[in-house]
Amino acid sequence: MSTSLKSNSRWTIVFIAIFFISPLKAIGAKEPLIRVLIGQENKARFRADGSKSIFVKGISSKQRPIKSINIIYSNGSANYSLNNNLNSWFELPKNFNLIIKNNHERGIWYKNRRYAGELRVSLNDNKLQIINYLKLEKYLKSVVGSEMPKEFPIAALQAQAIAARTYALKLLGKNQFFDIHSTQASQVYLGLEAETAKINRAVKSTSSLALFYKNELIEAVFHSSSGGRTENSGQVWKYQLPYLRSVVDYDQNSIKYRWTKEISSSELDQIFSGLGGLNSIQIIKKSNTDRVLKVRLYGPKGNENISGRTLRKKLKLLSNKFDLNLKFNQINQDDKMMKINYIYGKNKFNLDKKLDSDFAPYPLPVIPIDYFLLVKGYGAGHGVGMSQWGARAMAERGASFHKILKHYYTGVQIKTF
């Protein structure tokens, strides 16, 4: 073969390589990195998986392959040890920024979980701040598996993937140090352990799709179960968004559709110690979907009005869609129940008391020491946006992810970002 023919062949191969490989690289380059806060503590340990190594940049002039690194921050100083040698510690610079990564699909171990991408460790507010840097689609494969059971139908998982992608995109670059929390403060992210083949398929099949309203990314909030009807965003947060409106939910098969919780008088005294305990409680406002918006607390040291969201947090309730009852607690006696019915502008108890609708509701009767406060509630979460159990029910009835998302997010478009 002549030199010219070899040269032509070589350029043909190069051209083919560029033609077929460059578009893939270009697509990959468009995929954003996301910064996930996965830890904020005084000590941390990172290790490789099995016989593999991790690489640490920032503890010497060169990137070092090691098996593990322990870091402790105490008394204004950060120190590290390598490869489980806890007898030998070295001090880190004041403004250290460690980058921990590996080249293996098994990821990096931190707190009994494995993480893809790279982990960056720095000092912020006298804590070791651990941030996971990884590509968005890889992050979503964990989020979908962390937020929704893998057994759910594929259309529900696809809807979750698009909602989670939109939620994450909306937060990119908003914070100086990280984009998103790994907890329910944002959306749950549990690392590589949450991935499955089915979930990965749901994410891949919806790649680059997000939710928009008038060409702007939406606040794609979601929750577990609404208890029959989702809530308007304006009843939960400051603003009423046009696409976060109350709609019928199909979550009746949710394991949290109905729930109860009993709270003893002594527990209430501890929870409301600022009031000297709790003598009585009164629901004074509910939303149109029957969620508690405002309550009045009565204690030995005074009275206080708080929001239904605050009460939910204090009592550790699944949602703020609930009613209050008193349950008698005495050995060898049948349970006795005192039912308190909230009817807008009215409250009825002792069965023989009739109130004029113009008067404010009476408080719940004084909670004796031998009674429980019995909370009977519905649903789990804030109730705004997509209901995950409702998405499951719609998918089981044959609905596509398009139909699910357009039901729970009013007037949105589903398109590539």
Protein backbone atom coordinates (compact mmCIF):
# COMPACT_ATOMS: atom_id res chain seq x y z
CA MET A 1 0.00 0.00 0.00
CA SER A 2 1.42 3.42 -0.96
CA THR A 3 2.21 6.17 1.54
CA SER A 4 -0.57 8.33 0.17
CA LEU A 5 -3.07 5.53 0.54
CA LYS A 6 -1.93 4.96 4.16
CA SER A 7 -2.21 8.66 4.83
CA ASN A 8 -5.70 8.83 3.37
CA SER A 9 -6.74 5.79 5.37
CA ARG A 10 -5.39 7.35 8.56
CA TRP A 11 -7.31 10.57 8.01
CA THR A 12 -10.42 8.56 7.18
CA ILE A 13 -10.12 6.76 10.52
CA VAL A 14 -9.58 10.06 12.33
CA PHE A 15 -12.61 11.58 10.59
CA ILE A 16 -14.77 8.60 11.51
CA ALA A 17 -13.58 8.78 15.12
CA ILE A 18 -14.34 12.50 15.33
CA PHE A 19 -17.71 12.05 13.63
CA PHE A 20 -18.86 9.32 15.98
CA ILE A 21 -17.15 10.29 19.25
CA SER A 22 -17.36 14.08 19.34
CA PRO A 23 -21.16 14.31 19.52
CA LEU A 24 -21.12 12.00 22.55
CA LYS A 25 -18.49 14.14 24.23
CA ALA A 26 -20.47 17.26 23.40
CA ILE A 27 -23.60 15.81 24.94
CA GLY A 28 -21.69 14.72 28.04
CA ALA A 29 -20.17 18.18 28.35
CA LYS A 30 -23.66 19.70 28.63
CA GLU A 31 -24.57 17.54 31.59
CA PRO A 32 -24.13 19.69 34.71
CA LEU A 33 -22.27 18.70 37.84
CA ILE A 34 -24.21 18.89 41.07
CA ARG A 35 -22.75 19.55 44.52
CA VAL A 36 -24.50 17.53 47.22
CA LEU A 37 -23.89 18.20 50.91
CA ILE A 38 -23.61 14.74 52.49
CA GLY A 39 -21.95 15.54 55.81
CA GLN A 40 -21.11 18.27 58.30
CA GLU A 41 -19.34 16.97 61.38
CA ASN A 42 -16.19 16.94 63.52
CA LYS A 43 -14.75 13.68 62.22
CA ALA A 44 -15.00 11.64 59.05
CA ARG A 45 -13.56 8.51 57.50
CA PHE A 46 -13.27 7.63 53.80
CA ARG A 47 -12.08 4.37 52.34
CA ALA A 48 -11.74 2.44 49.12
CA ASP A 49 -13.91 -0.52 48.22
CA GLY A 50 -12.10 -3.83 48.71
CA SER A 51 -8.65 -3.99 47.17
CA LYS A 52 -9.07 -0.79 45.18
CA SER A 53 -7.45 2.55 46.07
CA ILE A 54 -8.77 6.03 46.53
CA PHE A 55 -6.79 9.10 45.51
CA VAL A 56 -6.45 12.11 47.77
CA LYS A 57 -5.36 15.51 46.56
CA GLY A 58 -4.43 18.21 49.08
CA ILE A 59 -2.37 16.34 51.69
CA SER A 60 0.88 16.57 49.73
CA SER A 61 2.22 18.09 46.53
CA LYS A 62 1.08 15.03 44.59
CA GLN A 63 -2.15 13.06 44.43
CA ARG A 64 -1.70 10.03 46.66
CA PRO A 65 -3.27 6.56 46.26
CA ILE A 66 -4.34 5.21 49.66
CA LYS A 67 -6.78 2.73 51.21
CA SER A 68 -8.39 5.05 53.77
CA ILE A 69 -8.16 8.44 55.43
CA ASN A 70 -9.46 9.57 58.83
CA ILE A 71 -9.95 13.29 59.52
CA ILE A 72 -10.68 14.92 62.87
CA TYR A 73 -11.30 18.59 63.62
CA SER A 74 -10.81 19.62 67.24
CA ASN A 75 -9.62 22.70 69.14
CA GLY A 76 -9.15 24.73 65.98
CA SER A 77 -7.00 22.13 64.22
CA ALA A 78 -7.72 19.52 61.55
CA ASN A 79 -5.60 16.36 61.51
CA TYR A 80 -5.56 13.24 59.36
CA SER A 81 -4.24 9.68 59.47
CA LEU A 82 -3.82 7.28 56.56
CA ASN A 83 -4.55 3.60 56.06
CA ASN A 84 -5.96 3.08 59.58
CA ASN A 85 -2.67 4.02 61.21
CA LEU A 86 -4.25 5.82 64.16
CA ASN A 87 -0.89 6.21 65.91
CA SER A 88 0.37 8.63 63.30
CA TRP A 89 -1.47 11.93 62.69
CA PHE A 90 -0.61 14.91 60.49
CA GLU A 91 -1.96 18.44 60.64
CA LEU A 92 -3.82 19.89 57.66
CA PRO A 93 -3.33 23.51 56.51
CA LYS A 94 -5.78 26.07 57.90
CA ASN A 95 -7.57 26.50 54.55
CA PHE A 96 -7.41 22.89 53.41
CA ASN A 97 -9.55 21.54 50.57
CA LEU A 98 -9.18 17.80 50.07
CA ILE A 99 -10.40 16.09 46.92
CA ILE A 100 -11.07 12.35 47.27
CA LYS A 101 -11.85 10.24 44.22
CA ASN A 102 -11.28 6.89 42.55
CA ASN A 103 -11.65 5.32 39.14
CA HIS A 104 -13.86 2.43 40.15
CA GLU A 105 -17.61 1.94 39.75
CA ARG A 106 -17.84 0.79 43.37
CA GLY A 107 -17.28 4.35 44.52
CA ILE A 108 -15.93 5.78 47.79
CA TRP A 109 -17.12 4.60 51.20
CA TYR A 110 -18.29 7.23 53.67
CA LYS A 111 -20.60 6.49 56.65
CA ASN A 112 -21.55 2.99 55.46
CA ARG A 113 -22.53 4.24 52.01
CA ARG A 114 -20.72 4.38 48.68
CA TYR A 115 -20.63 7.52 46.56
CA ALA A 116 -19.82 8.07 42.90
CA GLY A 117 -17.91 11.05 41.57
CA GLU A 118 -15.57 12.81 43.99
CA LEU A 119 -15.84 13.95 47.60
CA ARG A 120 -14.46 17.31 48.69
CA VAL A 121 -13.68 18.04 52.31
CA SER A 122 -13.11 21.54 53.68
CA LEU A 123 -13.73 23.46 56.89
CA ASN A 124 -16.87 25.57 57.17
CA ASP A 125 -18.34 27.01 60.38
CA ASN A 126 -15.97 24.87 62.48
CA LYS A 127 -17.20 21.65 60.90
CA LEU A 128 -15.82 19.29 58.28
CA GLN A 129 -18.06 19.90 55.29
CA ILE A 130 -18.27 16.92 52.93
CA ILE A 131 -19.65 17.63 49.47
CA ASN A 132 -20.20 15.05 46.75
CA TYR A 133 -19.48 16.34 43.23
CA LEU A 134 -21.03 14.19 40.51
CA LYS A 135 -22.93 14.37 37.22
CA LEU A 136 -26.62 15.17 37.43
CA GLU A 137 -27.94 11.96 35.83
CA LYS A 138 -25.80 9.79 38.11
CA TYR A 139 -27.13 11.74 41.09
CA LEU A 140 -30.72 11.19 39.92
CA LYS A 141 -30.29 7.41 39.78
CA SER A 142 -29.73 7.51 43.52
CA VAL A 143 -32.39 10.12 44.30
CA VAL A 144 -35.18 8.23 42.54
CA GLY A 145 -34.23 5.05 44.39
CA SER A 146 -33.94 6.95 47.68
CA GLU A 147 -37.25 8.78 47.32
CA MET A 148 -39.51 6.14 45.77
CA PRO A 149 -39.75 2.34 46.30
CA LYS A 150 -38.14 0.44 43.42
CA GLU A 151 -41.23 -1.76 43.20
CA PHE A 152 -43.35 1.15 41.93
CA PRO A 153 -44.41 1.02 38.25
CA ILE A 154 -41.97 2.40 35.69
CA ALA A 155 -44.23 5.38 34.83
CA ALA A 156 -44.24 6.48 38.48
CA LEU A 157 -40.44 6.16 38.63
CA GLN A 158 -40.14 8.17 35.41
CA ALA A 159 -42.37 10.90 36.84
CA GLN A 160 -40.21 10.94 39.97
CA ALA A 161 -37.05 11.21 37.86
CA ILE A 162 -38.36 14.25 35.98
CA ALA A 163 -39.62 15.95 39.15
CA ALA A 164 -36.30 15.30 40.94
CA ARG A 165 -34.29 16.51 37.93
CA THR A 166 -36.33 19.72 37.78
CA TYR A 167 -35.98 20.27 41.52
CA ALA A 168 -32.20 19.87 41.33
CA LEU A 169 -31.78 22.06 38.25
CA LYS A 170 -33.71 24.84 39.96
CA LEU A 171 -31.17 24.85 42.80
CA LEU A 172 -27.95 24.72 40.76
CA GLY A 173 -25.60 27.57 41.65
CA LYS A 174 -27.88 29.14 44.25
CA ASN A 175 -25.53 28.41 47.17
CA GLN A 176 -21.84 29.31 47.37
CA PHE A 177 -20.63 26.00 48.77
CA PHE A 178 -23.14 23.36 47.61
CA ASP A 179 -26.30 23.07 45.54
CA ILE A 180 -28.48 20.66 47.46
CA HIS A 181 -28.83 18.72 50.71
CA SER A 182 -28.85 14.91 50.75
CA THR A 183 -31.76 14.80 53.23
CA GLN A 184 -35.45 15.66 53.24
CA ALA A 185 -34.38 19.29 53.56
CA SER A 186 -34.02 18.98 49.76
CA GLN A 187 -34.49 15.47 48.36
CA VAL A 188 -33.11 12.25 49.77
CA TYR A 189 -29.84 11.01 48.26
CA LEU A 190 -28.35 7.77 49.60
CA GLY A 191 -25.45 7.17 47.23
CA LEU A 192 -24.84 4.13 45.05
CA GLU A 193 -26.78 1.78 47.35
CA ALA A 194 -30.09 3.22 46.13
CA GLU A 195 -29.56 2.35 42.45
CA THR A 196 -31.29 -0.55 40.70
CA ALA A 197 -31.55 -1.57 37.05
CA LYS A 198 -35.23 -0.55 36.92
CA ILE A 199 -34.56 2.85 38.46
CA ASN A 200 -31.60 3.45 36.16
CA ARG A 201 -33.87 2.66 33.21
CA ALA A 202 -36.46 5.17 34.43
CA VAL A 203 -33.82 7.91 34.70
CA LYS A 204 -32.19 7.11 31.37
CA SER A 205 -35.51 6.97 29.49
CA THR A 206 -36.36 10.51 30.66
CA SER A 207 -32.86 11.95 30.21
CA SER A 208 -32.79 15.78 29.99
CA LEU A 209 -36.56 16.14 30.51
CA ALA A 210 -37.71 18.74 33.03
CA LEU A 211 -40.87 20.61 34.02
CA PHE A 212 -41.50 24.18 32.88
CA TYR A 213 -44.21 26.79 33.37
CA LYS A 214 -44.07 29.62 30.82
CA ASN A 215 -40.55 28.50 29.86
CA GLU A 216 -39.24 28.68 33.44
CA LEU A 217 -38.21 25.69 35.51
CA ILE A 218 -40.82 25.04 38.18
CA GLU A 219 -40.47 24.35 41.90
CA ALA A 220 -41.09 20.62 41.43
CA VAL A 221 -41.89 19.72 45.03
CA PHE A 222 -43.34 16.32 45.86
CA HIS A 223 -44.43 14.31 48.88
CA SER A 224 -45.36 10.79 49.90
CA SER A 225 -49.13 10.92 50.31
CA SER A 226 -51.64 13.77 50.64
CA GLY A 227 -54.53 11.95 52.31
CA GLY A 228 -56.98 12.32 49.42
CA ARG A 229 -56.25 15.79 48.06
CA THR A 230 -53.06 17.77 47.52
CA GLU A 231 -52.63 21.25 48.99
CA ASN A 232 -52.27 24.71 47.46
CA SER A 233 -48.71 25.97 47.85
CA GLY A 234 -49.95 29.24 49.35
CA GLN A 235 -51.40 27.38 52.33
CA VAL A 236 -48.01 25.85 53.16
CA TRP A 237 -45.48 28.46 52.04
CA LYS A 238 -45.45 32.18 51.40
CA TYR A 239 -46.49 32.21 47.73
CA GLN A 240 -49.26 30.59 45.72
CA LEU A 241 -47.65 29.30 42.52
CA PRO A 242 -49.97 28.79 39.53
CA TYR A 243 -48.82 25.21 38.91
CA LEU A 244 -48.95 24.06 42.58
CA ARG A 245 -52.70 23.92 43.03
CA SER A 246 -54.82 21.50 45.00
CA VAL A 247 -55.97 18.46 42.99
CA VAL A 248 -57.61 15.15 43.75
CA ASP A 249 -55.11 12.51 44.89
CA TYR A 250 -55.27 8.76 44.34
CA ASP A 251 -53.23 7.72 47.35
CA GLN A 252 -55.85 5.63 49.15
CA ASN A 253 -53.58 2.57 49.06
CA SER A 254 -50.72 4.42 50.73
CA ILE A 255 -49.41 2.79 53.88
CA LYS A 256 -49.63 6.26 55.44
CA TYR A 257 -53.05 7.24 54.12
CA ARG A 258 -54.47 6.95 57.67
CA TRP A 259 -52.41 7.01 60.85
CA THR A 260 -52.72 7.64 64.56
CA LYS A 261 -50.33 8.78 67.26
CA GLU A 262 -50.80 8.83 71.03
CA ILE A 263 -48.98 11.42 73.13
CA SER A 264 -49.13 11.25 76.93
CA SER A 265 -49.59 14.22 79.24
CA SER A 266 -46.03 13.86 80.54
CA GLU A 267 -44.67 13.90 76.98
CA LEU A 268 -46.70 17.03 76.22
CA ASP A 269 -45.29 18.69 79.35
CA GLN A 270 -41.76 18.09 78.04
CA ILE A 271 -42.52 19.19 74.49
CA PHE A 272 -44.17 22.42 75.65
CA SER A 273 -41.94 23.14 78.63
CA GLY A 274 -41.83 26.82 77.70
CA LEU A 275 -45.51 27.05 78.59
CA GLY A 276 -44.96 25.02 81.74
CA GLY A 277 -46.56 22.05 80.02
CA LEU A 278 -49.81 21.80 78.13
CA ASN A 279 -53.24 22.06 79.70
CA SER A 280 -55.23 22.20 76.53
CA ILE A 281 -55.02 22.74 72.78
CA GLN A 282 -57.36 24.30 70.24
CA ILE A 283 -57.43 24.08 66.44
CA ILE A 284 -58.43 27.54 65.25
CA LYS A 285 -57.87 27.38 61.49
CA LYS A 286 -57.83 24.74 58.77
CA SER A 287 -57.31 24.88 55.02
CA ASN A 288 -59.89 23.83 52.45
CA THR A 289 -58.17 20.44 52.28
CA ASP A 290 -58.60 19.98 56.05
CA ARG A 291 -54.98 20.68 57.00
CA VAL A 292 -54.34 22.42 60.29
CA LEU A 293 -53.02 25.93 59.72
CA LYS A 294 -53.15 27.42 63.21
CA VAL A 295 -53.58 26.15 66.76
CA ARG A 296 -53.75 27.78 70.18
CA LEU A 297 -51.88 26.23 73.08
CA TYR A 298 -52.92 26.70 76.72
CA GLY A 299 -50.31 26.19 79.43
CA PRO A 300 -49.81 27.03 83.12
CA LYS A 301 -47.42 29.85 82.14
CA GLY A 302 -49.57 31.34 79.39
CA ASN A 303 -51.07 30.80 75.96
CA GLU A 304 -49.51 30.76 72.50
CA ASN A 305 -50.62 30.58 68.87
CA ILE A 306 -48.46 28.48 66.53
CA SER A 307 -48.81 27.22 62.96
CA GLY A 308 -49.96 23.72 62.09
CA ARG A 309 -46.53 23.12 60.52
CA THR A 310 -44.82 24.02 63.80
CA LEU A 311 -47.12 21.74 65.78
CA ARG A 312 -46.46 18.94 63.31
CA LYS A 313 -42.72 19.36 63.87
CA LYS A 314 -43.01 19.51 67.66
CA LEU A 315 -45.23 16.42 67.86
CA LYS A 316 -43.31 14.62 65.06
CA LEU A 317 -46.44 13.98 63.02
CA LEU A 318 -46.47 12.60 59.48
CA SER A 319 -48.49 15.56 58.19
CA ASN A 320 -50.55 18.50 59.41
CA LYS A 321 -53.80 16.94 58.19
CA PHE A 322 -55.21 15.68 61.47
CA ASP A 323 -57.90 15.84 64.14
CA LEU A 324 -57.40 15.80 67.90
CA ASN A 325 -59.04 13.51 70.43
CA LEU A 326 -58.61 12.61 74.08
CA LYS A 327 -58.15 8.96 74.91
CA PHE A 328 -58.59 7.65 78.44
CA ASN A 329 -55.67 5.55 79.64
CA GLN A 330 -56.39 3.32 82.62
CA ILE A 331 -55.60 -0.37 83.22
CA ASN A 332 -58.50 -2.84 83.14
CA GLN A 333 -60.96 -0.32 81.76
CA ASP A 334 -62.32 0.01 78.28
CA ASP A 335 -60.88 2.89 76.30
CA LYS A 336 -63.02 5.97 76.62
CA MET A 337 -62.88 8.52 73.86
CA MET A 338 -63.73 12.18 73.92
CA LYS A 339 -64.14 13.32 70.32
CA ILE A 340 -63.40 16.90 69.36
CA ASN A 341 -64.92 17.86 66.02
CA TYR A 342 -63.56 20.91 64.27
CA ILE A 343 -66.24 22.57 62.12
CA TYR A 344 -65.27 25.95 60.68
CA GLY A 345 -66.23 28.48 63.33
CA LYS A 346 -67.62 25.78 65.61
CA ASN A 347 -66.22 23.29 68.05
CA LYS A 348 -68.27 20.66 69.82
CA PHE A 349 -67.48 18.60 72.86
CA ASN A 350 -69.25 16.97 75.81
CA LEU A 351 -71.97 16.21 73.26
CA ASP A 352 -74.49 18.61 74.81
CA LYS A 353 -72.72 21.91 74.20
CA LYS A 354 -73.98 23.97 71.26
CA LEU A 355 -72.01 26.94 70.07
CA ASP A 356 -72.94 29.90 67.99
CA SER A 357 -70.99 29.92 64.69
CA ASP A 358 -69.95 33.55 65.24
CA PHE A 359 -67.86 32.63 68.26
CA ALA A 360 -64.37 31.22 68.16
CA PRO A 361 -64.12 27.50 68.86
CA TYR A 362 -63.68 26.37 72.43
CA PRO A 363 -60.33 24.81 73.29
CA LEU A 364 -60.06 21.11 73.68
CA PRO A 365 -60.95 20.10 77.26
CA VAL A 366 -58.12 20.18 79.79
CA ILE A 367 -55.88 17.17 79.27
CA PRO A 368 -55.89 15.16 82.51
CA ILE A 369 -52.89 13.14 83.61
CA ASP A 370 -54.61 9.84 82.80
CA TYR A 371 -55.43 10.78 79.20
CA PHE A 372 -53.54 10.63 75.93
CA LEU A 373 -53.77 13.23 73.24
CA LEU A 374 -54.80 11.05 70.30
CA VAL A 375 -53.90 12.46 66.89
CA LYS A 376 -55.75 10.91 63.95
CA GLY A 377 -54.15 11.97 60.70
CA TYR A 378 -53.97 11.44 56.94
CA GLY A 379 -51.08 11.35 54.50
CA ALA A 380 -47.37 12.05 54.89
CA GLY A 381 -45.47 15.17 53.94
CA HIS A 382 -46.43 18.75 53.14
CA GLY A 383 -49.06 17.69 50.60
CA VAL A 384 -47.94 20.04 47.80
CA GLY A 385 -47.12 18.95 44.24
CA MET A 386 -46.81 15.33 43.16
CA SER A 387 -48.02 12.61 45.49
CA GLN A 388 -45.74 9.60 45.12
CA TRP A 389 -48.42 7.10 46.14
CA GLY A 390 -50.89 8.87 43.87
CA ALA A 391 -48.39 8.56 41.02
CA ARG A 392 -48.17 4.85 41.74
CA ALA A 393 -51.95 4.44 41.56
CA MET A 394 -52.18 6.40 38.30
CA ALA A 395 -49.37 4.34 36.77
CA GLU A 396 -51.06 1.10 37.82
CA ARG A 397 -54.17 2.28 35.97
CA GLY A 398 -52.12 2.80 32.81
CA ALA A 399 -51.25 6.51 33.02
CA SER A 400 -47.98 7.64 31.44
CA PHE A 401 -45.48 9.85 33.22
CA HIS A 402 -46.77 12.75 31.09
CA LYS A 403 -50.29 12.30 32.42
CA ILE A 404 -49.11 11.87 36.02
CA LEU A 405 -46.99 15.01 35.98
CA LYS A 406 -49.60 17.15 34.26
CA HIS A 407 -52.19 16.05 36.83
CA TYR A 408 -50.13 17.08 39.85
CA TYR A 409 -48.47 20.16 38.32
CA THR A 410 -51.14 22.36 36.74
CA GLY A 411 -50.43 23.79 33.27
CA VAL A 412 -46.80 22.67 32.98
CA GLN A 413 -44.77 21.66 29.92
CA ILE A 414 -42.42 18.67 29.84
CA LYS A 415 -39.40 19.37 27.64
CA THR A 416 -35.61 19.19 27.53
CA PHE A 417 -33.65 21.71 29.58
